[in-house]
Structure formats: C-alpha cells, structure tokens
Amino acid sequence: MFLSQMIWSQNQERTVLNGKIISNTNDLEGVYVINAETEAMTTTAADGSFSIMAKSGDILVFSSIQFKENRILLKAEDFSNLNFTVKLSLLMYQLQEVIIKRYDNINAVALGIIPSGQKSYTEAERKLHTATALNPTASAGSMAGGSISADPLLNFFSGRTAMLKKEVAVEKKESFMKLLENMFPLDHFVDRLKIPVEYVKGFEYYVVENEKFTTILNSKNKTSTEFLLGELAVKYKEIIASEAK
C-alpha cells in the first residue's frame, strides 16, 4: 500500500507536456517519444506534435529509424513554453564501398531471351529488313500456302528502300567515327599525324569512306589501324595542299 501510494504521488506531480519535433523533412509522423523515468511512450502526429506526461528533471528520448536519437532533459520552463520544440537530425546512410562486377557471360542469349546465333540489327538495319523482307504467311489466298506481302515491292518503287539503305550506310559511318575517336584522341591527329585541327573532322569522314580502313578499324587492332591511318593522313594532307593552290 505504501509503494502504491508513492507511485500515485509521483504521477500526481507530472503534467501533460505538449511539444513538437522539427527537422529537414516533412515526414515527422511516428517518431517515438519515451519518458525514460516512467517508460511512458507516445508517437508524434503527422505535423510532429506530441503530448506526454512528464515533469521537470525527466528525460525524454526521441527515437526513429530515420532520425538520430535525441535525449532532452526537461526544465520547469518547458512546461510553460507554448512552442516547445525539439530538433531532430536525419540519419545519413553512407555506403562504405561499391563494387561493380562485370559478367560477360551473362547476356540475352545466355538467359534464353533470344536464340543463339540470331543476327542482331541496328535501328536502321531493322527498318530496312522490315521494309524488304517478304512475308509468305501474310494471308491465305489463291496461291498455295498463302500469299506474299506486296509491301517490299511498294517500298522499292516508292524509293523508301533506297532511303533506308542510305540510313544504314550513314549509321555505319557514324559508328566507325565513334570507334575511331574512342581509339585515338584529338591530339593524335594534330600532333602525331600533323592534321590541322580544323580539318580533323573532315579527315575522319575521309578515312571511314575507305573500306580497307574500316575493316581494320572494326577488328580493333590498334597497331594496324594506326599504321594505315598514317598512310591515309599523308594522302589527305596532299589533298588539302592541292585545294589550297
């Protein structure tokens, strides 16, 4: 009876403390507010407000997975403060190390997404293939086994096939240009091959027009590519000199 009376007396000394948490986020709901002395607990509302029984000298513990734990020792003036606020700091989770592994054997073929040995097309090649491929399964007609789609013939006579072939050629040249620029930096053309900087782009177009050069370039043999590039640079500089006369 004496113990019960003492606990009741202690609770009588505590009053409702109204407060609010603030932080650099709008997600303030569900933060635990615990009175470390009485183990009474509540959670914050959506705006960060809370109410809990406490008294001067109690310690409030603010805990959440998204905030650093904060402990506040209550003072007498906190109970008369209509704007009692507690600032919480967001937890910043920092990765210690990121390891990127390359798995060359994992691809669409290995995963069974596309059959092995199937030809892959670029966007321009796919358009050309679609425009020129005959479709013997178009629809059943007077011919045995169905009729053949007339679209390839229409594309041929309308000039669309020729246009798509040009797109494929341009796409290939652009891919060769990117491969060449990735293999050799700008200063290689200017300092090593002595191509004036304003003519470098023109020289790149010049060499990708050479079928022998693009074959070697596509093999990614840098030594052979550099050797032939030097020969073509001599010829290109001769062209520049003759045009300047």
Protein backbone atom coordinates (compact mmCIF):
# COMPACT_ATOMS: atom_id res chain seq x y z
CA MET A 1 0.00 0.00 0.00
CA PHE A 2 2.87 2.35 0.82
CA LEU A 3 4.53 1.62 -2.59
CA SER A 4 1.27 2.19 -4.47
CA GLN A 5 0.72 5.46 -2.66
CA MET A 6 4.28 6.61 -3.51
CA ILE A 7 3.82 5.83 -7.23
CA TRP A 8 0.45 7.60 -7.24
CA SER A 9 2.11 10.61 -5.56
CA GLN A 10 4.87 10.71 -8.18
CA ASN A 11 2.34 10.55 -11.05
CA GLN A 12 0.41 13.36 -9.46
CA GLU A 13 3.47 15.61 -9.81
CA ARG A 14 3.63 15.06 -13.58
CA THR A 15 1.56 17.08 -16.03
CA VAL A 16 0.89 16.90 -19.74
CA LEU A 17 3.76 18.29 -21.81
CA ASN A 18 2.76 19.41 -25.30
CA GLY A 19 5.54 19.75 -27.82
CA LYS A 20 6.57 19.33 -31.42
CA ILE A 21 9.56 17.92 -33.30
CA ILE A 22 11.12 19.72 -36.27
CA SER A 23 13.58 18.54 -38.92
CA ASN A 24 14.67 18.97 -42.54
CA THR A 25 11.85 16.75 -43.74
CA ASN A 26 8.08 16.78 -43.80
CA ASP A 27 7.85 13.14 -42.71
CA LEU A 28 7.52 13.70 -38.96
CA GLU A 29 4.89 11.09 -38.10
CA GLY A 30 5.55 8.01 -35.99
CA VAL A 31 8.61 9.17 -34.03
CA TYR A 32 8.72 7.53 -30.59
CA VAL A 33 8.72 9.88 -27.60
CA ILE A 34 9.67 7.99 -24.41
CA ASN A 35 9.85 9.27 -20.85
CA ALA A 36 12.99 7.50 -19.61
CA GLU A 37 11.89 7.89 -15.97
CA THR A 38 8.40 6.39 -16.21
CA GLU A 39 8.82 4.46 -19.51
CA ALA A 40 5.62 6.13 -20.74
CA MET A 41 5.59 6.29 -24.52
CA THR A 42 3.76 8.08 -27.31
CA THR A 43 4.33 8.78 -31.02
CA THR A 44 4.28 12.03 -32.97
CA ALA A 45 1.43 13.06 -35.25
CA ALA A 46 1.83 13.95 -38.95
CA ASP A 47 2.81 17.54 -38.08
CA GLY A 48 5.34 16.35 -35.47
CA SER A 49 3.26 17.24 -32.42
CA PHE A 50 3.09 15.05 -29.30
CA SER A 51 1.76 15.01 -25.73
CA ILE A 52 3.22 13.06 -22.81
CA MET A 53 3.06 13.01 -19.04
CA ALA A 54 6.29 14.41 -17.56
CA LYS A 55 7.83 16.76 -15.02
CA SER A 56 10.93 18.87 -14.63
CA GLY A 57 14.02 16.66 -14.43
CA ASP A 58 12.59 13.86 -16.60
CA ILE A 59 14.50 12.82 -19.69
CA LEU A 60 12.58 12.46 -22.97
CA VAL A 61 14.06 10.14 -25.59
CA PHE A 62 13.16 10.73 -29.26
CA SER A 63 13.79 7.67 -31.40
CA SER A 64 13.09 6.68 -35.02
CA ILE A 65 14.84 4.74 -37.79
CA GLN A 66 15.12 7.91 -39.88
CA PHE A 67 16.41 10.27 -37.15
CA LYS A 68 19.39 10.29 -34.81
CA GLU A 69 18.32 9.55 -31.23
CA ASN A 70 17.95 12.70 -29.15
CA ARG A 71 17.66 12.95 -25.35
CA ILE A 72 16.22 16.08 -23.75
CA LEU A 73 16.42 16.92 -20.03
CA LEU A 74 13.18 18.74 -19.21
CA LYS A 75 13.27 22.05 -17.36
CA ALA A 76 10.46 23.81 -15.50
CA GLU A 77 10.14 26.48 -18.21
CA ASP A 78 9.49 23.81 -20.86
CA PHE A 79 6.04 23.23 -19.40
CA SER A 80 5.04 26.87 -19.73
CA ASN A 81 6.51 27.18 -23.23
CA LEU A 82 3.67 27.04 -25.77
CA ASN A 83 6.21 26.47 -28.56
CA PHE A 84 8.28 23.70 -27.01
CA THR A 85 10.13 22.14 -29.95
CA VAL A 86 12.84 19.53 -30.34
CA LYS A 87 15.06 19.48 -33.43
CA LEU A 88 15.94 16.05 -34.83
CA SER A 89 18.71 15.30 -37.33
CA LEU A 90 18.14 12.94 -40.24
CA LEU A 91 20.25 9.81 -40.38
CA MET A 92 22.54 9.73 -43.43
CA TYR A 93 23.33 6.20 -44.55
CA GLN A 94 26.68 6.22 -46.35
CA LEU A 95 27.90 3.29 -48.43
CA GLN A 96 31.39 2.25 -47.42
CA GLU A 97 32.27 0.61 -50.72
CA VAL A 98 30.62 -0.09 -54.07
CA ILE A 99 31.97 -2.97 -56.14
CA ILE A 100 30.85 -3.26 -59.76
CA LYS A 101 31.46 -6.65 -61.28
CA ARG A 102 31.31 -7.32 -65.00
CA TYR A 103 29.77 -10.60 -66.06
CA ASP A 104 30.49 -11.01 -69.77
CA ASN A 105 28.87 -14.45 -69.86
CA ILE A 106 25.50 -13.07 -68.75
CA ASN A 107 23.61 -11.73 -71.74
CA ALA A 108 20.33 -12.11 -73.59
CA VAL A 109 21.49 -15.33 -75.28
CA ALA A 110 22.75 -16.93 -72.04
CA LEU A 111 19.47 -16.05 -70.31
CA GLY A 112 17.46 -17.59 -73.15
CA ILE A 113 15.79 -14.32 -74.12
CA ILE A 114 16.96 -14.62 -77.75
CA PRO A 115 18.13 -17.77 -79.59
CA SER A 116 21.85 -18.39 -80.03
CA GLY A 117 23.27 -17.29 -83.39
CA GLN A 118 20.43 -14.92 -84.17
CA LYS A 119 21.53 -11.88 -86.17
CA SER A 120 21.28 -8.59 -84.31
CA TYR A 121 20.20 -5.43 -86.12
CA THR A 122 20.78 -1.75 -85.53
CA GLU A 123 17.75 0.52 -85.67
CA ALA A 124 18.36 1.48 -89.31
CA GLU A 125 19.08 -2.14 -90.31
CA ARG A 126 15.88 -3.29 -88.60
CA LYS A 127 13.82 -0.76 -90.56
CA LEU A 128 15.43 -1.87 -93.83
CA HIS A 129 14.92 -5.56 -93.04
CA THR A 130 11.26 -4.97 -92.21
CA ALA A 131 10.72 -2.97 -95.40
CA THR A 132 12.37 -5.52 -97.71
CA ALA A 133 11.55 -8.91 -96.13
CA LEU A 134 8.92 -10.97 -97.91
CA ASN A 135 6.15 -12.33 -95.69
CA PRO A 136 4.83 -15.63 -97.09
CA THR A 137 2.40 -16.01 -94.18
CA ALA A 138 0.55 -12.76 -94.80
CA SER A 139 -2.83 -14.33 -95.51
CA ALA A 140 -4.30 -17.28 -97.29
CA GLY A 141 -5.16 -16.52 -100.92
CA SER A 142 -5.31 -18.13 -104.28
CA MET A 143 -1.66 -19.25 -104.01
CA ALA A 144 -0.94 -22.49 -102.17
CA GLY A 145 0.36 -21.87 -98.69
CA GLY A 146 -0.85 -18.26 -98.67
CA SER A 147 0.08 -15.04 -100.43
CA ILE A 148 3.28 -12.95 -100.39
CA SER A 149 3.10 -9.44 -98.97
CA ALA A 150 3.42 -6.71 -101.61
CA ASP A 151 4.94 -4.20 -99.16
CA PRO A 152 8.59 -4.82 -100.24
CA LEU A 153 7.66 -4.12 -103.86
CA LEU A 154 5.79 -0.95 -102.95
CA ASN A 155 8.75 0.20 -100.82
CA PHE A 156 11.11 -0.47 -103.72
CA PHE A 157 9.13 1.50 -106.30
CA SER A 158 8.35 4.35 -103.91
CA GLY A 159 12.05 4.88 -103.13
CA ARG A 160 11.67 4.06 -99.43
CA THR A 161 14.02 1.07 -99.71
CA ALA A 162 16.76 3.24 -101.22
CA MET A 163 16.27 5.83 -98.49
CA LEU A 164 16.54 3.19 -95.77
CA LYS A 165 19.73 1.79 -97.35
CA LYS A 166 21.25 5.28 -97.14
CA GLU A 167 20.27 5.46 -93.46
CA VAL A 168 22.07 2.16 -92.82
CA ALA A 169 25.19 3.45 -94.62
CA VAL A 170 25.16 6.70 -92.62
CA GLU A 171 24.64 4.79 -89.36
CA LYS A 172 27.65 2.56 -90.11
CA LYS A 173 29.86 5.56 -90.85
CA GLU A 174 28.81 7.24 -87.60
CA SER A 175 29.64 4.07 -85.65
CA PHE A 176 33.07 3.93 -87.33
CA MET A 177 33.61 7.60 -86.45
CA LYS A 178 32.84 6.94 -82.77
CA LEU A 179 35.12 3.90 -82.76
CA LEU A 180 37.94 5.94 -84.30
CA GLU A 181 37.52 8.82 -81.82
CA ASN A 182 37.49 6.39 -78.89
CA MET A 183 40.67 4.75 -80.15
CA PHE A 184 42.64 7.94 -80.87
CA PRO A 185 42.36 11.31 -79.05
CA LEU A 186 42.31 14.64 -80.88
CA ASP A 187 45.97 15.40 -80.17
CA HIS A 188 46.97 12.20 -82.03
CA PHE A 189 45.55 13.65 -85.25
CA VAL A 190 47.00 17.11 -84.63
CA ASP A 191 50.41 16.37 -83.05
CA ARG A 192 51.24 12.93 -84.47
CA LEU A 193 49.60 13.00 -87.90
CA LYS A 194 50.01 16.79 -88.35
CA ILE A 195 46.41 17.29 -89.46
CA PRO A 196 45.29 20.92 -88.89
CA VAL A 197 42.73 20.93 -86.11
CA GLU A 198 40.05 22.47 -88.33
CA TYR A 199 40.48 19.56 -90.80
CA VAL A 200 40.38 16.70 -88.27
CA LYS A 201 36.65 16.04 -88.61
CA GLY A 202 36.95 16.08 -92.40
CA PHE A 203 39.84 13.61 -92.18
CA GLU A 204 37.73 11.29 -90.05
CA TYR A 205 35.00 11.31 -92.70
CA TYR A 206 37.67 10.71 -95.33
CA VAL A 207 39.11 7.58 -93.67
CA VAL A 208 35.75 5.94 -92.87
CA GLU A 209 34.96 6.08 -96.57
CA ASN A 210 37.91 3.73 -97.11
CA GLU A 211 36.61 0.15 -96.98
CA LYS A 212 40.05 -1.33 -96.22
CA PHE A 213 40.49 1.06 -93.30
CA THR A 214 37.03 0.37 -91.80
CA THR A 215 37.70 -3.38 -91.98
CA ILE A 216 40.90 -2.99 -89.96
CA LEU A 217 39.27 -0.45 -87.64
CA ASN A 218 36.41 -2.83 -86.95
CA SER A 219 38.92 -5.54 -85.96
CA LYS A 220 40.06 -3.17 -83.17
CA ASN A 221 43.71 -3.86 -83.98
CA LYS A 222 45.16 -0.53 -82.89
CA THR A 223 48.63 -1.10 -84.37
CA SER A 224 47.34 -1.93 -87.86
CA THR A 225 44.76 0.86 -87.65
CA GLU A 226 47.40 3.43 -86.67
CA PHE A 227 49.71 2.32 -89.50
CA LEU A 228 47.02 2.69 -92.18
CA LEU A 229 45.80 5.91 -90.57
CA GLY A 230 49.29 7.37 -91.09
CA GLU A 231 49.25 6.44 -94.79
CA LEU A 232 45.83 8.00 -95.30
CA ALA A 233 46.94 11.13 -93.42
CA VAL A 234 49.72 11.69 -95.98
CA LYS A 235 47.23 11.44 -98.86
CA TYR A 236 44.73 13.68 -97.09
CA LYS A 237 47.33 16.40 -96.48
CA GLU A 238 48.18 16.25 -100.19
CA ILE A 239 44.51 16.84 -101.00
CA ILE A 240 44.43 19.83 -98.60
CA ALA A 241 47.59 21.27 -100.19
CA SER A 242 46.24 20.89 -103.73
CA GLU A 243 42.95 22.57 -102.82
CA ALA A 244 44.84 25.47 -101.24
CA LYS A 245 46.64 26.29 -104.53
